[in-house]
PDB file of N, CA and C in Angstrom:
ATOM      1  N   MET A   1       1.905  -5.649 -14.612  1.00  0.00           N
ATOM      2  CA  MET A   1       1.085  -6.772 -14.182  1.00  0.00           C
ATOM      3  C   MET A   1       1.588  -7.378 -12.868  1.00  0.00           C
ATOM      4  N   GLN A   2       2.854  -7.133 -12.586  1.00  0.00           N
ATOM      5  CA  GLN A   2       3.408  -7.708 -11.370  1.00  0.00           C
ATOM      6  C   GLN A   2       2.721  -7.141 -10.126  1.00  0.00           C
ATOM      7  N   LYS A   3       2.454  -5.830 -10.125  1.00  0.00           N
ATOM      8  CA  LYS A   3       1.787  -5.230  -8.968  1.00  0.00           C
ATOM      9  C   LYS A   3       0.381  -5.789  -8.799  1.00  0.00           C
ATOM     10  N   LEU A   4      -0.310  -5.965  -9.907  1.00  0.00           N
ATOM     11  CA  LEU A   4      -1.645  -6.554  -9.843  1.00  0.00           C
ATOM     12  C   LEU A   4      -1.564  -7.981  -9.314  1.00  0.00           C
ATOM     13  N   GLY A   5      -0.552  -8.711  -9.748  1.00  0.00           N
ATOM     14  CA  GLY A   5      -0.345 -10.063  -9.242  1.00  0.00           C
ATOM     15  C   GLY A   5      -0.096 -10.083  -7.749  1.00  0.00           C
ATOM     16  N   LEU A   6       0.650  -9.085  -7.264  1.00  0.00           N
ATOM     17  CA  LEU A   6       0.909  -8.995  -5.825  1.00  0.00           C
ATOM     18  C   LEU A   6      -0.366  -8.682  -5.054  1.00  0.00           C
ATOM     19  N   VAL A   7      -1.216  -7.850  -5.628  1.00  0.00           N
ATOM     20  CA  VAL A   7      -2.498  -7.536  -4.979  1.00  0.00           C
ATOM     21  C   VAL A   7      -3.357  -8.795  -4.882  1.00  0.00           C
ATOM     22  N   VAL A   8      -3.411  -9.548  -5.961  1.00  0.00           N
ATOM     23  CA  VAL A   8      -4.181 -10.799  -5.958  1.00  0.00           C
ATOM     24  C   VAL A   8      -3.621 -11.756  -4.909  1.00  0.00           C
ATOM     25  N   LYS A   9      -2.299 -11.831  -4.820  1.00  0.00           N
ATOM     26  CA  LYS A   9      -1.674 -12.711  -3.828  1.00  0.00           C
ATOM     27  C   LYS A   9      -2.013 -12.264  -2.413  1.00  0.00           C
ATOM     28  N   GLN A  10      -1.970 -10.955  -2.167  1.00  0.00           N
ATOM     29  CA  GLN A  10      -2.289 -10.444  -0.835  1.00  0.00           C
ATOM     30  C   GLN A  10      -3.752 -10.699  -0.486  1.00  0.00           C
ATOM     31  N   LEU A  11      -4.635 -10.515  -1.450  1.00  0.00           N
ATOM     32  CA  LEU A  11      -6.049 -10.803  -1.203  1.00  0.00           C
ATOM     33  C   LEU A  11      -6.256 -12.289  -0.912  1.00  0.00           C
ATOM     34  N   THR A  12      -5.532 -13.136  -1.629  1.00  0.00           N
ATOM     35  CA  THR A  12      -5.620 -14.574  -1.400  1.00  0.00           C
ATOM     36  C   THR A  12      -5.133 -14.924   0.009  1.00  0.00           C
ATOM     37  N   ASP A  13      -4.070 -14.257   0.453  1.00  0.00           N
ATOM     38  CA  ASP A  13      -3.560 -14.487   1.804  1.00  0.00           C
ATOM     39  C   ASP A  13      -4.531 -13.976   2.866  1.00  0.00           C
ATOM     40  N   LEU A  14      -5.289 -12.934   2.535  1.00  0.00           N
ATOM     41  CA  LEU A  14      -6.240 -12.335   3.473  1.00  0.00           C
ATOM     42  C   LEU A  14      -7.515 -13.168   3.621  1.00  0.00           C
ATOM     43  N   LEU A  15      -7.887 -13.868   2.583  1.00  0.00           N
ATOM     44  CA  LEU A  15      -9.156 -14.578   2.546  1.00  0.00           C
ATOM     45  C   LEU A  15      -9.385 -15.528   3.728  1.00  0.00           C
ATOM     46  N   PRO A  16      -8.412 -16.353   4.132  1.00  0.00           N
ATOM     47  CA  PRO A  16      -8.671 -17.238   5.277  1.00  0.00           C
ATOM     48  C   PRO A  16      -8.955 -16.482   6.579  1.00  0.00           C
ATOM     49  N   GLN A  17      -8.377 -15.301   6.720  1.00  0.00           N
ATOM     50  CA  GLN A  17      -8.619 -14.514   7.942  1.00  0.00           C
ATOM     51  C   GLN A  17     -10.042 -13.974   7.982  1.00  0.00           C
ATOM     52  N   LEU A  18     -10.588 -13.668   6.818  1.00  0.00           N
ATOM     53  CA  LEU A  18     -11.946 -13.138   6.751  1.00  0.00           C
ATOM     54  C   LEU A  18     -12.984 -14.236   6.789  1.00  0.00           C
ATOM     55  N   GLY A  19     -12.624 -15.380   6.233  1.00  0.00           N
ATOM     56  CA  GLY A  19     -13.582 -16.476   6.118  1.00  0.00           C
ATOM     57  C   GLY A  19     -14.346 -16.344   4.811  1.00  0.00           C
ATOM     58  N   VAL A  20     -14.361 -17.397   4.029  1.00  0.00           N
ATOM     59  CA  VAL A  20     -14.996 -17.374   2.712  1.00  0.00           C
ATOM     60  C   VAL A  20     -16.497 -17.112   2.822  1.00  0.00           C
ATOM     61  N   GLY A  21     -17.100 -17.522   3.924  1.00  0.00           N
ATOM     62  CA  GLY A  21     -18.545 -17.365   4.078  1.00  0.00           C
ATOM     63  C   GLY A  21     -18.976 -15.999   4.567  1.00  0.00           C
ATOM     64  N   SER A  22     -18.046 -15.184   5.069  1.00  0.00           N
ATOM     65  CA  SER A  22     -18.415 -13.850   5.558  1.00  0.00           C
ATOM     66  C   SER A  22     -18.663 -12.915   4.383  1.00  0.00           C
ATOM     67  N   ASP A  23     -19.397 -11.831   4.630  1.00  0.00           N
ATOM     68  CA  ASP A  23     -19.663 -10.871   3.556  1.00  0.00           C
ATOM     69  C   ASP A  23     -18.371 -10.274   2.998  1.00  0.00           C
ATOM     70  N   PRO A  24     -17.436  -9.823   3.861  1.00  0.00           N
ATOM     71  CA  PRO A  24     -16.181  -9.318   3.298  1.00  0.00           C
ATOM     72  C   PRO A  24     -15.411 -10.408   2.547  1.00  0.00           C
ATOM     73  N   GLY A  25     -15.437 -11.621   3.059  1.00  0.00           N
ATOM     74  CA  GLY A  25     -14.755 -12.731   2.396  1.00  0.00           C
ATOM     75  C   GLY A  25     -15.329 -13.019   1.021  1.00  0.00           C
ATOM     76  N   LYS A  26     -16.644 -12.949   0.908  1.00  0.00           N
ATOM     77  CA  LYS A  26     -17.289 -13.169  -0.395  1.00  0.00           C
ATOM     78  C   LYS A  26     -16.865 -12.088  -1.390  1.00  0.00           C
ATOM     79  N   ASP A  27     -16.794 -10.837  -0.913  1.00  0.00           N
ATOM     80  CA  ASP A  27     -16.395  -9.745  -1.797  1.00  0.00           C
ATOM     81  C   ASP A  27     -14.932  -9.874  -2.217  1.00  0.00           C
ATOM     82  N   VAL A  28     -14.080 -10.287  -1.284  1.00  0.00           N
ATOM     83  CA  VAL A  28     -12.670 -10.492  -1.609  1.00  0.00           C
ATOM     84  C   VAL A  28     -12.540 -11.620  -2.629  1.00  0.00           C
ATOM     85  N   LEU A  29     -13.308 -12.672  -2.446  1.00  0.00           N
ATOM     86  CA  LEU A  29     -13.274 -13.791  -3.398  1.00  0.00           C
ATOM     87  C   LEU A  29     -13.707 -13.349  -4.790  1.00  0.00           C
ATOM     88  N   LYS A  30     -14.742 -12.489  -4.862  1.00  0.00           N
ATOM     89  CA  LYS A  30     -15.172 -11.945  -6.151  1.00  0.00           C
ATOM     90  C   LYS A  30     -14.054 -11.117  -6.783  1.00  0.00           C
ATOM     91  N   ALA A  31     -13.399 -10.303  -5.956  1.00  0.00           N
ATOM     92  CA  ALA A  31     -12.311  -9.460  -6.465  1.00  0.00           C
ATOM     93  C   ALA A  31     -11.162 -10.320  -6.987  1.00  0.00           C
ATOM     94  N   ILE A  32     -10.831 -11.355  -6.243  1.00  0.00           N
ATOM     95  CA  ILE A  32      -9.755 -12.262  -6.678  1.00  0.00           C
ATOM     96  C   ILE A  32     -10.117 -12.891  -8.018  1.00  0.00           C
ATOM     97  N   SER A  33     -11.350 -13.359  -8.126  1.00  0.00           N
ATOM     98  CA  SER A  33     -11.791 -14.002  -9.371  1.00  0.00           C
ATOM     99  C   SER A  33     -11.735 -13.036 -10.540  1.00  0.00           C
ATOM    100  N   SER A  34     -12.149 -11.795 -10.314  1.00  0.00           N
ATOM    101  CA  SER A  34     -12.146 -10.804 -11.391  1.00  0.00           C
ATOM    102  C   SER A  34     -10.729 -10.405 -11.795  1.00  0.00           C
ATOM    103  N   LEU A  35      -9.861 -10.210 -10.812  1.00  0.00           N
ATOM    104  CA  LEU A  35      -8.511  -9.713 -11.089  1.00  0.00           C
ATOM    105  C   LEU A  35      -7.561 -10.792 -11.583  1.00  0.00           C
ATOM    106  N   ALA A  36      -7.719 -12.005 -11.074  1.00  0.00           N
ATOM    107  CA  ALA A  36      -6.777 -13.080 -11.383  1.00  0.00           C
ATOM    108  C   ALA A  36      -6.717 -13.399 -12.869  1.00  0.00           C
ATOM    109  N   LYS A  37      -7.812 -13.189 -13.578  1.00  0.00           N
ATOM    110  CA  LYS A  37      -7.803 -13.511 -15.010  1.00  0.00           C
ATOM    111  C   LYS A  37      -6.928 -12.545 -15.810  1.00  0.00           C
ATOM    112  N   HIS A  38      -6.539 -11.420 -15.207  1.00  0.00           N
ATOM    113  CA  HIS A  38      -5.677 -10.453 -15.882  1.00  0.00           C
ATOM    114  C   HIS A  38      -4.200 -10.638 -15.545  1.00  0.00           C
ATOM    115  N   VAL A  39      -3.917 -11.574 -14.642  1.00  0.00           N
ATOM    116  CA  VAL A  39      -2.537 -11.805 -14.199  1.00  0.00           C
ATOM    117  C   VAL A  39      -2.024 -13.085 -14.850  1.00  0.00           C
ATOM    118  N   PRO A  40      -1.045 -12.954 -15.731  1.00  0.00           N
ATOM    119  CA  PRO A  40      -0.525 -14.163 -16.378  1.00  0.00           C
ATOM    120  C   PRO A  40       0.253 -15.024 -15.379  1.00  0.00           C
ATOM    121  N   PRO A  41       0.293 -16.321 -15.615  1.00  0.00           N
ATOM    122  CA  PRO A  41       1.069 -17.197 -14.720  1.00  0.00           C
ATOM    123  C   PRO A  41       2.527 -16.750 -14.675  1.00  0.00           C
ATOM    124  N   GLY A  42       3.092 -16.748 -13.499  1.00  0.00           N
ATOM    125  CA  GLY A  42       4.488 -16.361 -13.321  1.00  0.00           C
ATOM    126  C   GLY A  42       4.702 -14.866 -13.209  1.00  0.00           C
ATOM    127  N   ALA A  43       3.611 -14.088 -13.161  1.00  0.00           N
ATOM    128  CA  ALA A  43       3.756 -12.631 -13.072  1.00  0.00           C
ATOM    129  C   ALA A  43       4.366 -12.218 -11.736  1.00  0.00           C
ATOM    130  N   VAL A  44       4.121 -13.004 -10.701  1.00  0.00           N
ATOM    131  CA  VAL A  44       4.670 -12.690  -9.385  1.00  0.00           C
ATOM    132  C   VAL A  44       5.819 -13.653  -9.113  1.00  0.00           C
ATOM    133  N   THR A  45       7.014 -13.101  -9.069  1.00  0.00           N
ATOM    134  CA  THR A  45       8.198 -13.906  -8.758  1.00  0.00           C
ATOM    135  C   THR A  45       8.665 -13.561  -7.360  1.00  0.00           C
ATOM    136  N   PRO A  46       9.391 -14.459  -6.703  1.00  0.00           N
ATOM    137  CA  PRO A  46       9.911 -14.130  -5.374  1.00  0.00           C
ATOM    138  C   PRO A  46      10.773 -12.862  -5.386  1.00  0.00           C
ATOM    139  N   ALA A  47      11.569 -12.677  -6.432  1.00  0.00           N
ATOM    140  CA  ALA A  47      12.409 -11.476  -6.512  1.00  0.00           C
ATOM    141  C   ALA A  47      11.540 -10.228  -6.671  1.00  0.00           C
ATOM    142  N   GLY A  48      10.523 -10.308  -7.487  1.00  0.00           N
ATOM    143  CA  GLY A  48       9.617  -9.176  -7.669  1.00  0.00           C
ATOM    144  C   GLY A  48       8.869  -8.836  -6.400  1.00  0.00           C
ATOM    145  N   GLU A  49       8.459  -9.870  -5.696  1.00  0.00           N
ATOM    146  CA  GLU A  49       7.753  -9.667  -4.427  1.00  0.00           C
ATOM    147  C   GLU A  49       8.681  -8.996  -3.410  1.00  0.00           C
ATOM    148  N   LYS A  50       9.935  -9.437  -3.370  1.00  0.00           N
ATOM    149  CA  LYS A  50      10.926  -8.853  -2.453  1.00  0.00           C
ATOM    150  C   LYS A  50      11.167  -7.388  -2.809  1.00  0.00           C
ATOM    151  N   ASN A  51      11.304  -7.094  -4.101  1.00  0.00           N
ATOM    152  CA  ASN A  51      11.523  -5.714  -4.536  1.00  0.00           C
ATOM    153  C   ASN A  51      10.356  -4.816  -4.154  1.00  0.00           C
ATOM    154  N   GLN A  52       9.146  -5.293  -4.353  1.00  0.00           N
ATOM    155  CA  GLN A  52       7.960  -4.515  -4.006  1.00  0.00           C
ATOM    156  C   GLN A  52       7.899  -4.259  -2.511  1.00  0.00           C
ATOM    157  N   LEU A  53       8.214  -5.260  -1.714  1.00  0.00           N
ATOM    158  CA  LEU A  53       8.220  -5.109  -0.267  1.00  0.00           C
ATOM    159  C   LEU A  53       9.258  -4.069   0.162  1.00  0.00           C
ATOM    160  N   GLU A  54      10.435  -4.116  -0.443  1.00  0.00           N
ATOM    161  CA  GLU A  54      11.478  -3.145  -0.113  1.00  0.00           C
ATOM    162  C   GLU A  54      11.044  -1.729  -0.489  1.00  0.00           C
ATOM    163  N   GLN A  55      10.394  -1.573  -1.637  1.00  0.00           N
ATOM    164  CA  GLN A  55       9.904  -0.256  -2.047  1.00  0.00           C
ATOM    165  C   GLN A  55       8.870   0.273  -1.057  1.00  0.00           C
ATOM    166  N   MET A  56       7.975  -0.591  -0.615  1.00  0.00           N
ATOM    167  CA  MET A  56       6.959  -0.173   0.348  1.00  0.00           C
ATOM    168  C   MET A  56       7.602   0.212   1.674  1.00  0.00           C
ATOM    169  N   GLN A  57       8.634  -0.515   2.096  1.00  0.00           N
ATOM    170  CA  GLN A  57       9.328  -0.188   3.338  1.00  0.00           C
ATOM    171  C   GLN A  57      10.023   1.165   3.233  1.00  0.00           C
ATOM    172  N   LEU A  58      10.645   1.443   2.089  1.00  0.00           N
ATOM    173  CA  LEU A  58      11.304   2.737   1.888  1.00  0.00           C
ATOM    174  C   LEU A  58      10.295   3.878   1.914  1.00  0.00           C
ATOM    175  N   LYS A  59       9.171   3.694   1.244  1.00  0.00           N
ATOM    176  CA  LYS A  59       8.121   4.720   1.252  1.00  0.00           C
ATOM    177  C   LYS A  59       7.602   4.941   2.662  1.00  0.00           C
ATOM    178  N   ASN A  60       7.413   3.872   3.394  1.00  0.00           N
ATOM    179  CA  ASN A  60       6.916   3.972   4.760  1.00  0.00           C
ATOM    180  C   ASN A  60       7.907   4.735   5.633  1.00  0.00           C
ATOM    181  N   ALA A  61       9.191   4.424   5.511  1.00  0.00           N
ATOM    182  CA  ALA A  61      10.209   5.123   6.291  1.00  0.00           C
ATOM    183  C   ALA A  61      10.234   6.606   5.937  1.00  0.00           C
ATOM    184  N   HIS A  62      10.128   6.927   4.657  1.00  0.00           N
ATOM    185  CA  HIS A  62      10.118   8.324   4.210  1.00  0.00           C
ATOM    186  C   HIS A  62       8.895   9.052   4.774  1.00  0.00           C
ATOM    187  N   ASN A  63       7.733   8.409   4.697  1.00  0.00           N
ATOM    188  CA  ASN A  63       6.508   9.013   5.230  1.00  0.00           C
ATOM    189  C   ASN A  63       6.610   9.229   6.736  1.00  0.00           C
ATOM    190  N   ASN A  64       7.215   8.285   7.440  1.00  0.00           N
ATOM    191  CA  ASN A  64       7.391   8.434   8.889  1.00  0.00           C
ATOM    192  C   ASN A  64       8.280   9.627   9.211  1.00  0.00           C
ATOM    193  N   GLN A  65       9.345   9.821   8.430  1.00  0.00           N
ATOM    194  CA  GLN A  65      10.232  10.962   8.642  1.00  0.00           C
ATOM    195  C   GLN A  65       9.484  12.273   8.423  1.00  0.00           C
ATOM    196  N   GLN A  66       8.659  12.328   7.397  1.00  0.00           N
ATOM    197  CA  GLN A  66       7.884  13.534   7.126  1.00  0.00           C
ATOM    198  C   GLN A  66       6.897  13.815   8.259  1.00  0.00           C
ATOM    199  N   MET A  67       6.248  12.774   8.747  1.00  0.00           N
ATOM    200  CA  MET A  67       5.296  12.951   9.849  1.00  0.00           C
ATOM    201  C   MET A  67       6.002  13.443  11.112  1.00  0.00           C
ATOM    202  N   GLN A  68       7.172  12.899  11.395  1.00  0.00           N
ATOM    203  CA  GLN A  68       7.927  13.337  12.562  1.00  0.00           C
ATOM    204  C   GLN A  68       8.335  14.799  12.431  1.00  0.00           C
ATOM    205  N   ALA A  69       8.730  15.214  11.237  1.00  0.00           N
ATOM    206  CA  ALA A  69       9.108  16.607  11.021  1.00  0.00           C
ATOM    207  C   ALA A  69       7.908  17.524  11.198  1.00  0.00           C
ATOM    208  N   MET A  70       6.754  17.109  10.700  1.00  0.00           N
ATOM    209  CA  MET A  70       5.539  17.916  10.859  1.00  0.00           C
ATOM    210  C   MET A  70       5.156  18.035  12.326  1.00  0.00           C
ATOM    211  N   ARG A  71       5.249  16.927  13.052  1.00  0.00           N
ATOM    212  CA  ARG A  71       4.924  16.958  14.484  1.00  0.00           C
ATOM    213  C   ARG A  71       5.887  17.867  15.245  1.00  0.00           C
ATOM    214  N   ALA A  72       7.166  17.810  14.882  1.00  0.00           N
ATOM    215  CA  ALA A  72       8.154  18.652  15.546  1.00  0.00           C
ATOM    216  C   ALA A  72       7.844  20.119  15.304  1.00  0.00           C
ATOM    217  N   GLN A  73       7.446  20.469  14.093  1.00  0.00           N
ATOM    218  CA  GLN A  73       7.094  21.852  13.795  1.00  0.00           C
ATOM    219  C   GLN A  73       5.863  22.282  14.575  1.00  0.00           C
ATOM    220  N   GLN A  74       4.893  21.398  14.678  1.00  0.00           N
ATOM    221  CA  GLN A  74       3.679  21.722  15.422  1.00  0.00           C
ATOM    222  C   GLN A  74       3.990  21.912  16.905  1.00  0.00           C
ATOM    223  N   MET A  75       4.887  21.099  17.422  1.00  0.00           N
ATOM    224  CA  MET A  75       5.264  21.213  18.833  1.00  0.00           C
ATOM    225  C   MET A  75       5.972  22.542  19.103  1.00  0.00           C
ATOM    226  N   GLN A  76       6.677  23.062  18.093  1.00  0.00           N
ATOM    227  CA  GLN A  76       7.394  24.322  18.243  1.00  0.00           C
ATOM    228  C   GLN A  76       6.488  25.517  17.968  1.00  0.00           C
ATOM    229  N   GLY A  77       5.246  25.244  17.618  1.00  0.00           N
ATOM    230  CA  GLY A  77       4.300  26.325  17.391  1.00  0.00           C
ATOM    231  C   GLY A  77       4.260  26.821  15.968  1.00  0.00           C
ATOM    232  N   GLY A  78       5.074  26.281  15.108  1.00  0.00           N
ATOM    233  CA  GLY A  78       5.062  26.698  13.702  1.00  0.00           C
ATOM    234  C   GLY A  78       4.092  25.841  12.924  1.00  0.00           C
ATOM    235  N   GLY A  79       3.362  26.431  12.048  1.00  0.00           N
ATOM    236  CA  GLY A  79       2.420  25.669  11.231  1.00  0.00           C
ATOM    237  C   GLY A  79       3.066  25.263   9.923  1.00  0.00           C
ATOM    238  N   MET A  80       2.624  24.170   9.378  1.00  0.00           N
ATOM    239  CA  MET A  80       3.125  23.725   8.081  1.00  0.00           C
ATOM    240  C   MET A  80       2.388  24.494   6.999  1.00  0.00           C
ATOM    241  N   LYS A  81       3.109  25.020   6.047  1.00  0.00           N
ATOM    242  CA  LYS A  81       2.496  25.664   4.894  1.00  0.00           C
ATOM    243  C   LYS A  81       2.303  24.599   3.822  1.00  0.00           C
ATOM    244  N   PRO A  82       1.210  24.681   3.080  1.00  0.00           N
ATOM    245  CA  PRO A  82       1.005  23.723   2.009  1.00  0.00           C
ATOM    246  C   PRO A  82       2.143  23.805   1.006  1.00  0.00           C
ATOM    247  N   PRO A  83       2.509  22.685   0.387  1.00  0.00           N
ATOM    248  CA  PRO A  83       3.592  22.700  -0.600  1.00  0.00           C
ATOM    249  C   PRO A  83       3.279  23.693  -1.716  1.00  0.00           C
ATOM    250  N   GLY A  84       4.300  24.401  -2.159  1.00  0.00           N
ATOM    251  CA  GLY A  84       4.141  25.335  -3.261  1.00  0.00           C
ATOM    252  C   GLY A  84       3.706  26.714  -2.846  1.00  0.00           C
ATOM    253  N   MET A  85       3.411  26.915  -1.581  1.00  0.00           N
ATOM    254  CA  MET A  85       2.995  28.226  -1.095  1.00  0.00           C
ATOM    255  C   MET A  85       4.221  29.039  -0.736  1.00  0.00           C
ATOM    256  N   ALA A  86       4.364  30.177  -1.341  1.00  0.00           N
ATOM    257  CA  ALA A  86       5.496  31.047  -1.043  1.00  0.00           C
ATOM    258  C   ALA A  86       5.208  31.865   0.196  1.00  0.00           C
ATOM    259  N   ALA A  87       6.231  32.148   0.953  1.00  0.00           N
ATOM    260  CA  ALA A  87       6.073  32.980   2.140  1.00  0.00           C
ATOM    261  C   ALA A  87       5.841  34.414   1.711  1.00  0.00           C
ATOM    262  N   ALA A  88       4.980  35.095   2.441  1.00  0.00           N
ATOM    263  CA  ALA A  88       4.707  36.489   2.122  1.00  0.00           C
ATOM    264  C   ALA A  88       5.913  37.349   2.466  1.00  0.00           C
ATOM    265  N   ALA A  89       6.250  38.272   1.586  1.00  0.00           N
ATOM    266  CA  ALA A  89       7.428  39.115   1.813  1.00  0.00           C
ATOM    267  C   ALA A  89       7.066  40.371   2.513  1.00  0.00           C
TER     268      ALA A  89
END
């Protein structure tokens, strides 16, 4: 439930940027109303929010490393093989 609580919090933070009267803002408000009833009070704690942010940063750094490796291979003329594909002998 903590992740859902974080999503609701992020949508709530996004709402002023969209404007409540705009079409996207109205849809975000509907989503917040629908999702918030499933999030118990106190589901989002500062420590939980910090942990989630750190996890997202680690995933982002890992994804960036993978993208850089793929680009380096492409620059060298080698193509990436899909995962699980064995090289032909």
